[in-house]
């Protein structure tokens, strides 16, 4: 199988490093030519819970240089999905499948608009990763990766993808209800990401202060009301208990949104808490806490280059 990973961020680099252990041909596609050359020259350095190790990877910046691709993995920020699948479109043949391993809701639909529904496989990964520098990633947390189609079908190629992932140590399973899984992860991110980005606290610290714990609960409650109205089945019975358990289990983690804010980069707020705000408006349900969280994160983004001194 020839595999292309689009996006040299934390998850993209971690996936490339692990998949380089397989017998498959793996290429990292990066729109930045200089960065692709650096990855080719130096490879990917991994540190953290899987040890300190080096992976040699092939990277390129031009999709036209690649042929006969079986699997494309989209591992970019949600706001870059359209650009990523447009970049990768020349790779997509009749038998190519595209897996999205991204945060938020709506990525499957964006990709399907370009390549068609039948080629797209949704995915959720609970691996923790922090990008330290170009080609340098910290493996911060183990976690299961789940893939599936919106129509619930399980074609043979999806089983092969699962087999490849599992062989290199990426615990992976298949679900017939990927929509429920995507919303289950969304609610966890709704409770954690924006709040950590605003307060600059690690995940576990959110539970140590009454104010942040109260805001977390309200944000999750608003999201849960939407899920109930839309009759989406989550993978856990009590969303609030689950979000707080994730905070505790990942207490030392720096959330992806806080990483973005610390690097003064655009966040995925529109695809996480912003989803709740938009869905609430459509359903006529109030979501004031999520609305404020979106406004505050957007304010942070707008003031990256503004002096904070009075």
C-alpha atoms as a PDB file:
ATOM      1  CA  UNK A   1       0.000   0.000   0.000  1.00  0.00           C
ATOM      2  CA  UNK A   2       1.245   3.490  -0.903  1.00  0.00           C
ATOM      3  CA  UNK A   3       0.295   5.975   1.800  1.00  0.00           C
ATOM      4  CA  UNK A   4       0.442   9.777   1.686  1.00  0.00           C
ATOM      5  CA  UNK A   5       0.028  11.845   4.849  1.00  0.00           C
ATOM      6  CA  UNK A   6      -0.999  15.440   4.205  1.00  0.00           C
ATOM      7  CA  UNK A   7       0.246  17.815   6.890  1.00  0.00           C
ATOM      8  CA  UNK A   8       3.543  17.851   8.848  1.00  0.00           C
ATOM      9  CA  UNK A   9       1.984  18.944  12.135  1.00  0.00           C
ATOM     10  CA  UNK A  10       2.053  17.040  15.417  1.00  0.00           C
ATOM     11  CA  UNK A  11      -0.312  14.224  14.443  1.00  0.00           C
ATOM     12  CA  UNK A  12       0.944  14.086  10.845  1.00  0.00           C
ATOM     13  CA  UNK A  13       4.567  13.706  11.933  1.00  0.00           C
ATOM     14  CA  UNK A  14       3.701  11.146  14.616  1.00  0.00           C
ATOM     15  CA  UNK A  15       1.692   9.073  12.126  1.00  0.00           C
ATOM     16  CA  UNK A  16       4.489   9.282   9.534  1.00  0.00           C
ATOM     17  CA  UNK A  17       7.053   8.182  12.096  1.00  0.00           C
ATOM     18  CA  UNK A  18       5.029   5.161  13.243  1.00  0.00           C
ATOM     19  CA  UNK A  19       3.936   4.138   9.743  1.00  0.00           C
ATOM     20  CA  UNK A  20       7.560   4.296   8.562  1.00  0.00           C
ATOM     21  CA  UNK A  21       8.034   1.124  10.650  1.00  0.00           C
ATOM     22  CA  UNK A  22       5.695  -0.747   8.296  1.00  0.00           C
ATOM     23  CA  UNK A  23       6.512  -2.372   4.983  1.00  0.00           C
ATOM     24  CA  UNK A  24       4.287   0.156   3.234  1.00  0.00           C
ATOM     25  CA  UNK A  25       5.586   3.098   1.214  1.00  0.00           C
ATOM     26  CA  UNK A  26       4.882   6.277   3.220  1.00  0.00           C
ATOM     27  CA  UNK A  27       5.205   9.857   1.974  1.00  0.00           C
ATOM     28  CA  UNK A  28       4.598  13.101   3.880  1.00  0.00           C
ATOM     29  CA  UNK A  29       3.062  15.748   1.599  1.00  0.00           C
ATOM     30  CA  UNK A  30       3.869  19.300   2.683  1.00  0.00           C
ATOM     31  CA  UNK A  31       2.875  22.433   0.771  1.00  0.00           C
ATOM     32  CA  UNK A  32       6.060  24.114   2.068  1.00  0.00           C
ATOM     33  CA  UNK A  33       8.931  23.046  -0.215  1.00  0.00           C
ATOM     34  CA  UNK A  34      11.732  24.096   2.169  1.00  0.00           C
ATOM     35  CA  UNK A  35      10.130  22.243   5.082  1.00  0.00           C
ATOM     36  CA  UNK A  36       9.660  19.134   2.937  1.00  0.00           C
ATOM     37  CA  UNK A  37      13.348  19.240   2.040  1.00  0.00           C
ATOM     38  CA  UNK A  38      14.250  19.529   5.738  1.00  0.00           C
ATOM     39  CA  UNK A  39      12.076  16.519   6.580  1.00  0.00           C
ATOM     40  CA  UNK A  40      13.739  14.544   3.793  1.00  0.00           C
ATOM     41  CA  UNK A  41      17.160  15.420   5.086  1.00  0.00           C
ATOM     42  CA  UNK A  42      16.653  15.071   8.824  1.00  0.00           C
ATOM     43  CA  UNK A  43      13.641  12.789   9.183  1.00  0.00           C
ATOM     44  CA  UNK A  44      11.360  12.916  12.208  1.00  0.00           C
ATOM     45  CA  UNK A  45      12.560  12.879  15.806  1.00  0.00           C
ATOM     46  CA  UNK A  46      10.129  11.445  18.348  1.00  0.00           C
ATOM     47  CA  UNK A  47      10.373  11.758  22.114  1.00  0.00           C
ATOM     48  CA  UNK A  48       7.957  10.979  24.915  1.00  0.00           C
ATOM     49  CA  UNK A  49       6.036   7.936  26.041  1.00  0.00           C
ATOM     50  CA  UNK A  50       7.173   5.753  23.118  1.00  0.00           C
ATOM     51  CA  UNK A  51      10.819   6.589  23.824  1.00  0.00           C
ATOM     52  CA  UNK A  52      13.325   8.713  21.963  1.00  0.00           C
ATOM     53  CA  UNK A  53      13.745   7.576  18.385  1.00  0.00           C
ATOM     54  CA  UNK A  54      14.332   8.719  14.840  1.00  0.00           C
ATOM     55  CA  UNK A  55      12.279   7.906  11.740  1.00  0.00           C
ATOM     56  CA  UNK A  56      13.455   8.340   8.188  1.00  0.00           C
ATOM     57  CA  UNK A  57      10.633   9.657   6.007  1.00  0.00           C
ATOM     58  CA  UNK A  58      10.167  10.679   2.421  1.00  0.00           C
ATOM     59  CA  UNK A  59       8.570  14.113   2.048  1.00  0.00           C
ATOM     60  CA  UNK A  60       7.603  16.156  -0.979  1.00  0.00           C
ATOM     61  CA  UNK A  61       5.698  19.338  -1.786  1.00  0.00           C
ATOM     62  CA  UNK A  62       4.195  18.396  -5.157  1.00  0.00           C
ATOM     63  CA  UNK A  63       1.384  15.881  -5.478  1.00  0.00           C
ATOM     64  CA  UNK A  64       2.176  15.455  -9.177  1.00  0.00           C
ATOM     65  CA  UNK A  65       5.431  13.741  -8.150  1.00  0.00           C
ATOM     66  CA  UNK A  66       3.426  10.850  -6.660  1.00  0.00           C
ATOM     67  CA  UNK A  67       1.473   8.104  -8.418  1.00  0.00           C
ATOM     68  CA  UNK A  68      -0.706   5.089  -7.652  1.00  0.00           C
ATOM     69  CA  UNK A  69      -1.614   6.174  -4.118  1.00  0.00           C
ATOM     70  CA  UNK A  70      -3.856   3.799  -2.166  1.00  0.00           C
ATOM     71  CA  UNK A  71      -4.425   5.855   0.987  1.00  0.00           C
ATOM     72  CA  UNK A  72      -4.361   9.581   1.718  1.00  0.00           C
ATOM     73  CA  UNK A  73      -4.471  10.640   5.375  1.00  0.00           C
ATOM     74  CA  UNK A  74      -5.560  14.233   6.014  1.00  0.00           C
ATOM     75  CA  UNK A  75      -3.892  15.482   9.208  1.00  0.00           C
ATOM     76  CA  UNK A  76      -4.159  19.265   8.935  1.00  0.00           C
ATOM     77  CA  UNK A  77      -6.091  21.825  10.965  1.00  0.00           C
ATOM     78  CA  UNK A  78      -9.794  21.862  10.112  1.00  0.00           C
ATOM     79  CA  UNK A  79      -9.613  25.299   8.543  1.00  0.00           C
ATOM     80  CA  UNK A  80      -7.051  23.929   6.044  1.00  0.00           C
ATOM     81  CA  UNK A  81      -9.128  20.901   4.991  1.00  0.00           C
ATOM     82  CA  UNK A  82     -10.303  22.348   1.676  1.00  0.00           C
ATOM     83  CA  UNK A  83      -6.773  23.405   0.720  1.00  0.00           C
ATOM     84  CA  UNK A  84      -5.356  20.031   1.800  1.00  0.00           C
ATOM     85  CA  UNK A  85      -7.749  17.916  -0.242  1.00  0.00           C
ATOM     86  CA  UNK A  86      -7.314  20.255  -3.203  1.00  0.00           C
ATOM     87  CA  UNK A  87      -3.530  19.785  -2.932  1.00  0.00           C
ATOM     88  CA  UNK A  88      -3.979  16.020  -2.690  1.00  0.00           C
ATOM     89  CA  UNK A  89      -6.658  15.661  -5.390  1.00  0.00           C
ATOM     90  CA  UNK A  90      -4.151  14.723  -8.152  1.00  0.00           C
ATOM     91  CA  UNK A  91      -3.261  11.659  -6.031  1.00  0.00           C
ATOM     92  CA  UNK A  92      -6.813  10.366  -5.893  1.00  0.00           C
ATOM     93  CA  UNK A  93      -7.503   7.533  -8.301  1.00  0.00           C
ATOM     94  CA  UNK A  94     -10.405   5.138  -8.629  1.00  0.00           C
ATOM     95  CA  UNK A  95      -9.239   2.952  -5.739  1.00  0.00           C
ATOM     96  CA  UNK A  96      -7.766   5.651  -3.490  1.00  0.00           C
ATOM     97  CA  UNK A  97      -9.295   6.135  -0.057  1.00  0.00           C
ATOM     98  CA  UNK A  98      -9.010   9.269   2.082  1.00  0.00           C
ATOM     99  CA  UNK A  99      -8.965   9.115   5.888  1.00  0.00           C
ATOM    100  CA  UNK A 100      -9.486  12.271   7.920  1.00  0.00           C
ATOM    101  CA  UNK A 101      -7.908  12.316  11.397  1.00  0.00           C
ATOM    102  CA  UNK A 102      -8.822  15.847  12.437  1.00  0.00           C
ATOM    103  CA  UNK A 103     -10.613  17.756  15.159  1.00  0.00           C
ATOM    104  CA  UNK A 104     -14.085  19.142  14.798  1.00  0.00           C
ATOM    105  CA  UNK A 105     -17.145  18.411  12.710  1.00  0.00           C
ATOM    106  CA  UNK A 106     -17.552  18.872   8.960  1.00  0.00           C
ATOM    107  CA  UNK A 107     -14.222  17.641   7.581  1.00  0.00           C
ATOM    108  CA  UNK A 108     -15.736  14.521   6.027  1.00  0.00           C
ATOM    109  CA  UNK A 109     -18.263  16.623   4.133  1.00  0.00           C
ATOM    110  CA  UNK A 110     -15.620  19.088   2.885  1.00  0.00           C
ATOM    111  CA  UNK A 111     -13.457  16.251   1.568  1.00  0.00           C
ATOM    112  CA  UNK A 112     -16.448  14.444   0.032  1.00  0.00           C
ATOM    113  CA  UNK A 113     -17.350  17.563  -1.953  1.00  0.00           C
ATOM    114  CA  UNK A 114     -14.009  17.248  -3.750  1.00  0.00           C
ATOM    115  CA  UNK A 115     -13.574  13.467  -4.138  1.00  0.00           C
ATOM    116  CA  UNK A 116     -17.019  11.944  -3.523  1.00  0.00           C
ATOM    117  CA  UNK A 117     -18.608  10.248  -0.514  1.00  0.00           C
ATOM    118  CA  UNK A 118     -17.492   6.707  -1.339  1.00  0.00           C
ATOM    119  CA  UNK A 119     -13.791   7.523  -1.002  1.00  0.00           C
ATOM    120  CA  UNK A 120     -13.920   9.165   2.438  1.00  0.00           C
ATOM    121  CA  UNK A 121     -13.323   7.446   5.777  1.00  0.00           C
ATOM    122  CA  UNK A 122     -13.838   9.439   8.956  1.00  0.00           C
ATOM    123  CA  UNK A 123     -11.496   9.074  11.879  1.00  0.00           C
ATOM    124  CA  UNK A 124     -10.953   9.996  15.489  1.00  0.00           C
ATOM    125  CA  UNK A 125      -7.609   9.692  17.246  1.00  0.00           C
ATOM    126  CA  UNK A 126      -6.993  10.095  20.942  1.00  0.00           C
ATOM    127  CA  UNK A 127      -3.210  10.107  20.622  1.00  0.00           C
ATOM    128  CA  UNK A 128      -1.514  13.047  22.287  1.00  0.00           C
ATOM    129  CA  UNK A 129       1.169  14.834  20.274  1.00  0.00           C
ATOM    130  CA  UNK A 130       3.018  18.135  20.543  1.00  0.00           C
ATOM    131  CA  UNK A 131       5.036  19.605  17.687  1.00  0.00           C
ATOM    132  CA  UNK A 132       8.296  20.922  19.125  1.00  0.00           C
ATOM    133  CA  UNK A 133       9.882  22.082  15.865  1.00  0.00           C
ATOM    134  CA  UNK A 134       9.971  21.057  12.212  1.00  0.00           C
ATOM    135  CA  UNK A 135      10.114  17.260  12.229  1.00  0.00           C
ATOM    136  CA  UNK A 136      10.343  17.079  16.025  1.00  0.00           C
ATOM    137  CA  UNK A 137       7.350  15.752  17.926  1.00  0.00           C
ATOM    138  CA  UNK A 138       6.600  14.725  21.484  1.00  0.00           C
ATOM    139  CA  UNK A 139       4.423  11.643  21.825  1.00  0.00           C
ATOM    140  CA  UNK A 140       2.449  12.909  24.812  1.00  0.00           C
ATOM    141  CA  UNK A 141      -0.280  10.313  25.178  1.00  0.00           C
ATOM    142  CA  UNK A 142      -1.349   6.902  23.971  1.00  0.00           C
ATOM    143  CA  UNK A 143      -4.873   6.588  22.711  1.00  0.00           C
ATOM    144  CA  UNK A 144      -7.082   4.599  20.415  1.00  0.00           C
ATOM    145  CA  UNK A 145      -7.705   5.602  16.808  1.00  0.00           C
ATOM    146  CA  UNK A 146     -11.106   4.764  15.341  1.00  0.00           C
ATOM    147  CA  UNK A 147     -12.097   4.868  11.683  1.00  0.00           C
ATOM    148  CA  UNK A 148     -15.399   4.415   9.901  1.00  0.00           C
ATOM    149  CA  UNK A 149     -17.700   5.538   7.111  1.00  0.00           C
ATOM    150  CA  UNK A 150     -20.764   7.713   7.607  1.00  0.00           C
ATOM    151  CA  UNK A 151     -22.895   5.025   5.943  1.00  0.00           C
ATOM    152  CA  UNK A 152     -21.650   2.377   8.378  1.00  0.00           C
ATOM    153  CA  UNK A 153     -20.202   0.115   5.670  1.00  0.00           C
ATOM    154  CA  UNK A 154     -16.931  -1.719   6.352  1.00  0.00           C
ATOM    155  CA  UNK A 155     -15.161  -2.376   3.036  1.00  0.00           C
ATOM    156  CA  UNK A 156     -12.135  -4.673   2.910  1.00  0.00           C
ATOM    157  CA  UNK A 157      -9.675  -1.792   2.440  1.00  0.00           C
ATOM    158  CA  UNK A 158     -10.732  -0.340   5.789  1.00  0.00           C
ATOM    159  CA  UNK A 159      -9.836  -3.602   7.507  1.00  0.00           C
ATOM    160  CA  UNK A 160      -6.426  -3.478   5.829  1.00  0.00           C
ATOM    161  CA  UNK A 161      -5.860   0.079   7.069  1.00  0.00           C
ATOM    162  CA  UNK A 162      -6.698  -1.069  10.594  1.00  0.00           C
ATOM    163  CA  UNK A 163      -4.253  -3.969  10.253  1.00  0.00           C
ATOM    164  CA  UNK A 164      -1.398  -1.703   9.122  1.00  0.00           C
ATOM    165  CA  UNK A 165      -1.994   0.760  11.953  1.00  0.00           C
ATOM    166  CA  UNK A 166      -2.151  -1.949  14.603  1.00  0.00           C
ATOM    167  CA  UNK A 167       1.024  -3.631  13.356  1.00  0.00           C
ATOM    168  CA  UNK A 168       3.086  -0.472  13.946  1.00  0.00           C
ATOM    169  CA  UNK A 169       1.655   0.144  17.422  1.00  0.00           C
ATOM    170  CA  UNK A 170      -1.189   2.535  16.574  1.00  0.00           C
ATOM    171  CA  UNK A 171      -4.128   0.930  18.368  1.00  0.00           C
ATOM    172  CA  UNK A 172      -6.955   1.145  15.835  1.00  0.00           C
ATOM    173  CA  UNK A 173     -10.490  -0.162  15.513  1.00  0.00           C
ATOM    174  CA  UNK A 174     -13.418   0.229  13.114  1.00  0.00           C
ATOM    175  CA  UNK A 175     -16.804   1.681  14.043  1.00  0.00           C
ATOM    176  CA  UNK A 176     -20.136   1.612  12.231  1.00  0.00           C
ATOM    177  CA  UNK A 177     -21.105   4.865  13.976  1.00  0.00           C
ATOM    178  CA  UNK A 178     -18.298   7.299  13.212  1.00  0.00           C
ATOM    179  CA  UNK A 179     -20.720  10.242  13.516  1.00  0.00           C
ATOM    180  CA  UNK A 180     -21.357   9.388  17.161  1.00  0.00           C
ATOM    181  CA  UNK A 181     -17.609   9.108  17.760  1.00  0.00           C
ATOM    182  CA  UNK A 182     -16.897  12.460  16.105  1.00  0.00           C
ATOM    183  CA  UNK A 183     -19.487  14.171  18.282  1.00  0.00           C
ATOM    184  CA  UNK A 184     -18.202  12.324  21.352  1.00  0.00           C
ATOM    185  CA  UNK A 185     -14.735  13.739  20.765  1.00  0.00           C
ATOM    186  CA  UNK A 186     -16.137  17.152  19.886  1.00  0.00           C
ATOM    187  CA  UNK A 187     -17.836  17.442  23.279  1.00  0.00           C
ATOM    188  CA  UNK A 188     -14.561  16.614  25.040  1.00  0.00           C
ATOM    189  CA  UNK A 189     -12.775  19.292  23.028  1.00  0.00           C
ATOM    190  CA  UNK A 190     -15.614  21.756  23.674  1.00  0.00           C
ATOM    191  CA  UNK A 191     -15.066  21.385  27.414  1.00  0.00           C
ATOM    192  CA  UNK A 192     -11.276  21.565  27.376  1.00  0.00           C
ATOM    193  CA  UNK A 193      -9.638  23.303  24.428  1.00  0.00           C
ATOM    194  CA  UNK A 194     -10.962  26.866  24.452  1.00  0.00           C
ATOM    195  CA  UNK A 195     -10.785  27.110  28.223  1.00  0.00           C
ATOM    196  CA  UNK A 196      -7.156  26.003  28.306  1.00  0.00           C
ATOM    197  CA  UNK A 197      -6.306  28.399  25.483  1.00  0.00           C
ATOM    198  CA  UNK A 198      -7.819  31.347  27.349  1.00  0.00           C
ATOM    199  CA  UNK A 199      -6.414  30.518  30.790  1.00  0.00           C
ATOM    200  CA  UNK A 200      -3.157  28.932  29.539  1.00  0.00           C
ATOM    201  CA  UNK A 201      -3.706  26.074  31.962  1.00  0.00           C
ATOM    202  CA  UNK A 202      -2.862  22.434  31.295  1.00  0.00           C
ATOM    203  CA  UNK A 203      -5.857  20.116  31.051  1.00  0.00           C
ATOM    204  CA  UNK A 204      -5.842  18.861  34.621  1.00  0.00           C
ATOM    205  CA  UNK A 205      -5.642  22.338  36.108  1.00  0.00           C
ATOM    206  CA  UNK A 206      -9.111  23.173  34.782  1.00  0.00           C
ATOM    207  CA  UNK A 207     -10.594  21.020  37.543  1.00  0.00           C
ATOM    208  CA  UNK A 208      -8.595  22.659  40.337  1.00  0.00           C
ATOM    209  CA  UNK A 209     -10.363  26.002  40.146  1.00  0.00           C
ATOM    210  CA  UNK A 210     -14.066  26.386  40.805  1.00  0.00           C
ATOM    211  CA  UNK A 211     -14.500  29.043  38.119  1.00  0.00           C
ATOM    212  CA  UNK A 212     -12.928  27.033  35.286  1.00  0.00           C
ATOM    213  CA  UNK A 213     -14.682  23.870  36.421  1.00  0.00           C
ATOM    214  CA  UNK A 214     -18.024  25.692  36.342  1.00  0.00           C
ATOM    215  CA  UNK A 215     -17.397  27.105  32.852  1.00  0.00           C
ATOM    216  CA  UNK A 216     -16.328  23.664  31.612  1.00  0.00           C
ATOM    217  CA  UNK A 217     -19.556  22.161  32.940  1.00  0.00           C
ATOM    218  CA  UNK A 218     -21.729  24.815  31.315  1.00  0.00           C
ATOM    219  CA  UNK A 219     -19.973  24.495  27.943  1.00  0.00           C
ATOM    220  CA  UNK A 220     -20.419  20.710  27.992  1.00  0.00           C
ATOM    221  CA  UNK A 221     -24.055  20.997  29.100  1.00  0.00           C
ATOM    222  CA  UNK A 222     -24.859  23.275  26.158  1.00  0.00           C
ATOM    223  CA  UNK A 223     -23.235  20.824  23.740  1.00  0.00           C
ATOM    224  CA  UNK A 224     -25.081  17.890  25.330  1.00  0.00           C
ATOM    225  CA  UNK A 225     -28.460  19.580  24.826  1.00  0.00           C
ATOM    226  CA  UNK A 226     -27.705  19.865  21.104  1.00  0.00           C
ATOM    227  CA  UNK A 227     -26.665  16.204  20.871  1.00  0.00           C
ATOM    228  CA  UNK A 228     -29.915  15.155  22.544  1.00  0.00           C
ATOM    229  CA  UNK A 229     -31.997  17.326  20.225  1.00  0.00           C
ATOM    230  CA  UNK A 230     -30.206  15.867  17.175  1.00  0.00           C
ATOM    231  CA  UNK A 231     -30.587  12.338  18.602  1.00  0.00           C
ATOM    232  CA  UNK A 232     -26.896  11.559  18.255  1.00  0.00           C
ATOM    233  CA  UNK A 233     -25.718   8.579  20.296  1.00  0.00           C
ATOM    234  CA  UNK A 234     -22.486   9.243  22.184  1.00  0.00           C
ATOM    235  CA  UNK A 235     -20.032   6.535  23.182  1.00  0.00           C
ATOM    236  CA  UNK A 236     -20.360   7.451  26.871  1.00  0.00           C
ATOM    237  CA  UNK A 237     -23.439   7.869  29.066  1.00  0.00           C
ATOM    238  CA  UNK A 238     -22.434  10.944  31.065  1.00  0.00           C
ATOM    239  CA  UNK A 239     -20.642  13.619  28.985  1.00  0.00           C
ATOM    240  CA  UNK A 240     -19.622  15.767  31.946  1.00  0.00           C
ATOM    241  CA  UNK A 241     -18.120  12.852  33.859  1.00  0.00           C
ATOM    242  CA  UNK A 242     -16.279  11.812  30.699  1.00  0.00           C
ATOM    243  CA  UNK A 243     -14.810  15.275  30.049  1.00  0.00           C
ATOM    244  CA  UNK A 244     -13.616  15.589  33.638  1.00  0.00           C
ATOM    245  CA  UNK A 245     -12.112  12.081  33.452  1.00  0.00           C
ATOM    246  CA  UNK A 246     -10.215  13.095  30.295  1.00  0.00           C
ATOM    247  CA  UNK A 247      -8.923  16.199  32.096  1.00  0.00           C
ATOM    248  CA  UNK A 248      -7.584  13.995  34.875  1.00  0.00           C
ATOM    249  CA  UNK A 249      -6.161  11.350  32.523  1.00  0.00           C
ATOM    250  CA  UNK A 250      -4.373  14.028  30.457  1.00  0.00           C
ATOM    251  CA  UNK A 251      -3.616  16.343  33.371  1.00  0.00           C
ATOM    252  CA  UNK A 252      -0.149  17.275  32.127  1.00  0.00           C
ATOM    253  CA  UNK A 253      -1.147  17.794  28.503  1.00  0.00           C
ATOM    254  CA  UNK A 254      -1.064  21.122  26.705  1.00  0.00           C
ATOM    255  CA  UNK A 255      -4.184  21.091  24.522  1.00  0.00           C
ATOM    256  CA  UNK A 256      -3.811  21.587  20.787  1.00  0.00           C
ATOM    257  CA  UNK A 257      -5.620  24.926  20.990  1.00  0.00           C
ATOM    258  CA  UNK A 258      -3.342  26.179  23.751  1.00  0.00           C
ATOM    259  CA  UNK A 259      -0.364  25.086  21.623  1.00  0.00           C
ATOM    260  CA  UNK A 260      -1.770  27.208  18.791  1.00  0.00           C
ATOM    261  CA  UNK A 261      -2.227  30.252  21.031  1.00  0.00           C
ATOM    262  CA  UNK A 262       1.273  29.939  22.484  1.00  0.00           C
ATOM    263  CA  UNK A 263       2.657  29.829  18.924  1.00  0.00           C
ATOM    264  CA  UNK A 264       0.370  32.714  17.887  1.00  0.00           C
ATOM    265  CA  UNK A 265      -1.310  30.587  15.250  1.00  0.00           C
ATOM    266  CA  UNK A 266      -4.896  30.380  14.099  1.00  0.00           C
ATOM    267  CA  UNK A 267      -6.968  28.025  16.251  1.00  0.00           C
ATOM    268  CA  UNK A 268      -9.732  25.571  15.375  1.00  0.00           C
ATOM    269  CA  UNK A 269     -12.270  27.397  17.544  1.00  0.00           C
ATOM    270  CA  UNK A 270     -14.763  27.686  14.635  1.00  0.00           C
ATOM    271  CA  UNK A 271     -14.742  23.903  14.240  1.00  0.00           C
ATOM    272  CA  UNK A 272     -15.115  23.076  17.942  1.00  0.00           C
ATOM    273  CA  UNK A 273     -17.039  25.518  20.158  1.00  0.00           C
ATOM    274  CA  UNK A 274     -18.089  27.380  17.014  1.00  0.00           C
ATOM    275  CA  UNK A 275     -19.947  24.246  15.876  1.00  0.00           C
ATOM    276  CA  UNK A 276     -21.986  24.330  19.086  1.00  0.00           C
ATOM    277  CA  UNK A 277     -22.831  28.006  18.617  1.00  0.00           C
ATOM    278  CA  UNK A 278     -23.975  27.489  15.020  1.00  0.00           C
ATOM    279  CA  UNK A 279     -25.970  24.356  15.818  1.00  0.00           C
ATOM    280  CA  UNK A 280     -27.605  26.107  18.773  1.00  0.00           C
ATOM    281  CA  UNK A 281     -28.687  28.991  16.537  1.00  0.00           C
ATOM    282  CA  UNK A 282     -30.190  26.584  14.001  1.00  0.00           C
ATOM    283  CA  UNK A 283     -32.069  24.683  16.690  1.00  0.00           C
ATOM    284  CA  UNK A 284     -33.135  27.740  18.682  1.00  0.00           C
ATOM    285  CA  UNK A 285     -31.188  26.603  21.768  1.00  0.00           C
ATOM    286  CA  UNK A 286     -29.208  29.115  23.855  1.00  0.00           C
ATOM    287  CA  UNK A 287     -25.439  28.527  24.070  1.00  0.00           C
ATOM    288  CA  UNK A 288     -24.102  31.644  25.830  1.00  0.00           C
ATOM    289  CA  UNK A 289     -21.014  30.033  27.381  1.00  0.00           C
ATOM    290  CA  UNK A 290     -19.780  28.562  24.114  1.00  0.00           C
ATOM    291  CA  UNK A 291     -20.498  31.870  22.407  1.00  0.00           C
ATOM    292  CA  UNK A 292     -18.336  33.737  24.927  1.00  0.00           C
ATOM    293  CA  UNK A 293     -15.550  31.148  24.623  1.00  0.00           C
ATOM    294  CA  UNK A 294     -15.538  31.599  20.842  1.00  0.00           C
ATOM    295  CA  UNK A 295     -15.424  35.390  21.190  1.00  0.00           C
ATOM    296  CA  UNK A 296     -12.570  35.266  23.701  1.00  0.00           C
ATOM    297  CA  UNK A 297     -10.426  32.902  21.630  1.00  0.00           C
ATOM    298  CA  UNK A 298     -11.011  35.011  18.533  1.00  0.00           C
ATOM    299  CA  UNK A 299      -9.964  38.069  20.546  1.00  0.00           C
ATOM    300  CA  UNK A 300      -6.747  36.278  21.512  1.00  0.00           C
ATOM    301  CA  UNK A 301      -6.075  35.538  17.847  1.00  0.00           C
ATOM    302  CA  UNK A 302      -6.711  39.176  16.918  1.00  0.00           C
ATOM    303  CA  UNK A 303      -4.251  40.484  19.503  1.00  0.00           C
ATOM    304  CA  UNK A 304      -1.284  38.195  18.822  1.00  0.00           C
ATOM    305  CA  UNK A 305       0.768  41.092  17.495  1.00  0.00           C
ATOM    306  CA  UNK A 306      -0.667  43.783  19.748  1.00  0.00           C
ATOM    307  CA  UNK A 307       1.260  44.998  22.800  1.00  0.00           C
ATOM    308  CA  UNK A 308      -0.461  43.988  26.039  1.00  0.00           C
ATOM    309  CA  UNK A 309       1.027  46.838  27.997  1.00  0.00           C
ATOM    310  CA  UNK A 310      -1.312  49.636  29.109  1.00  0.00           C
END
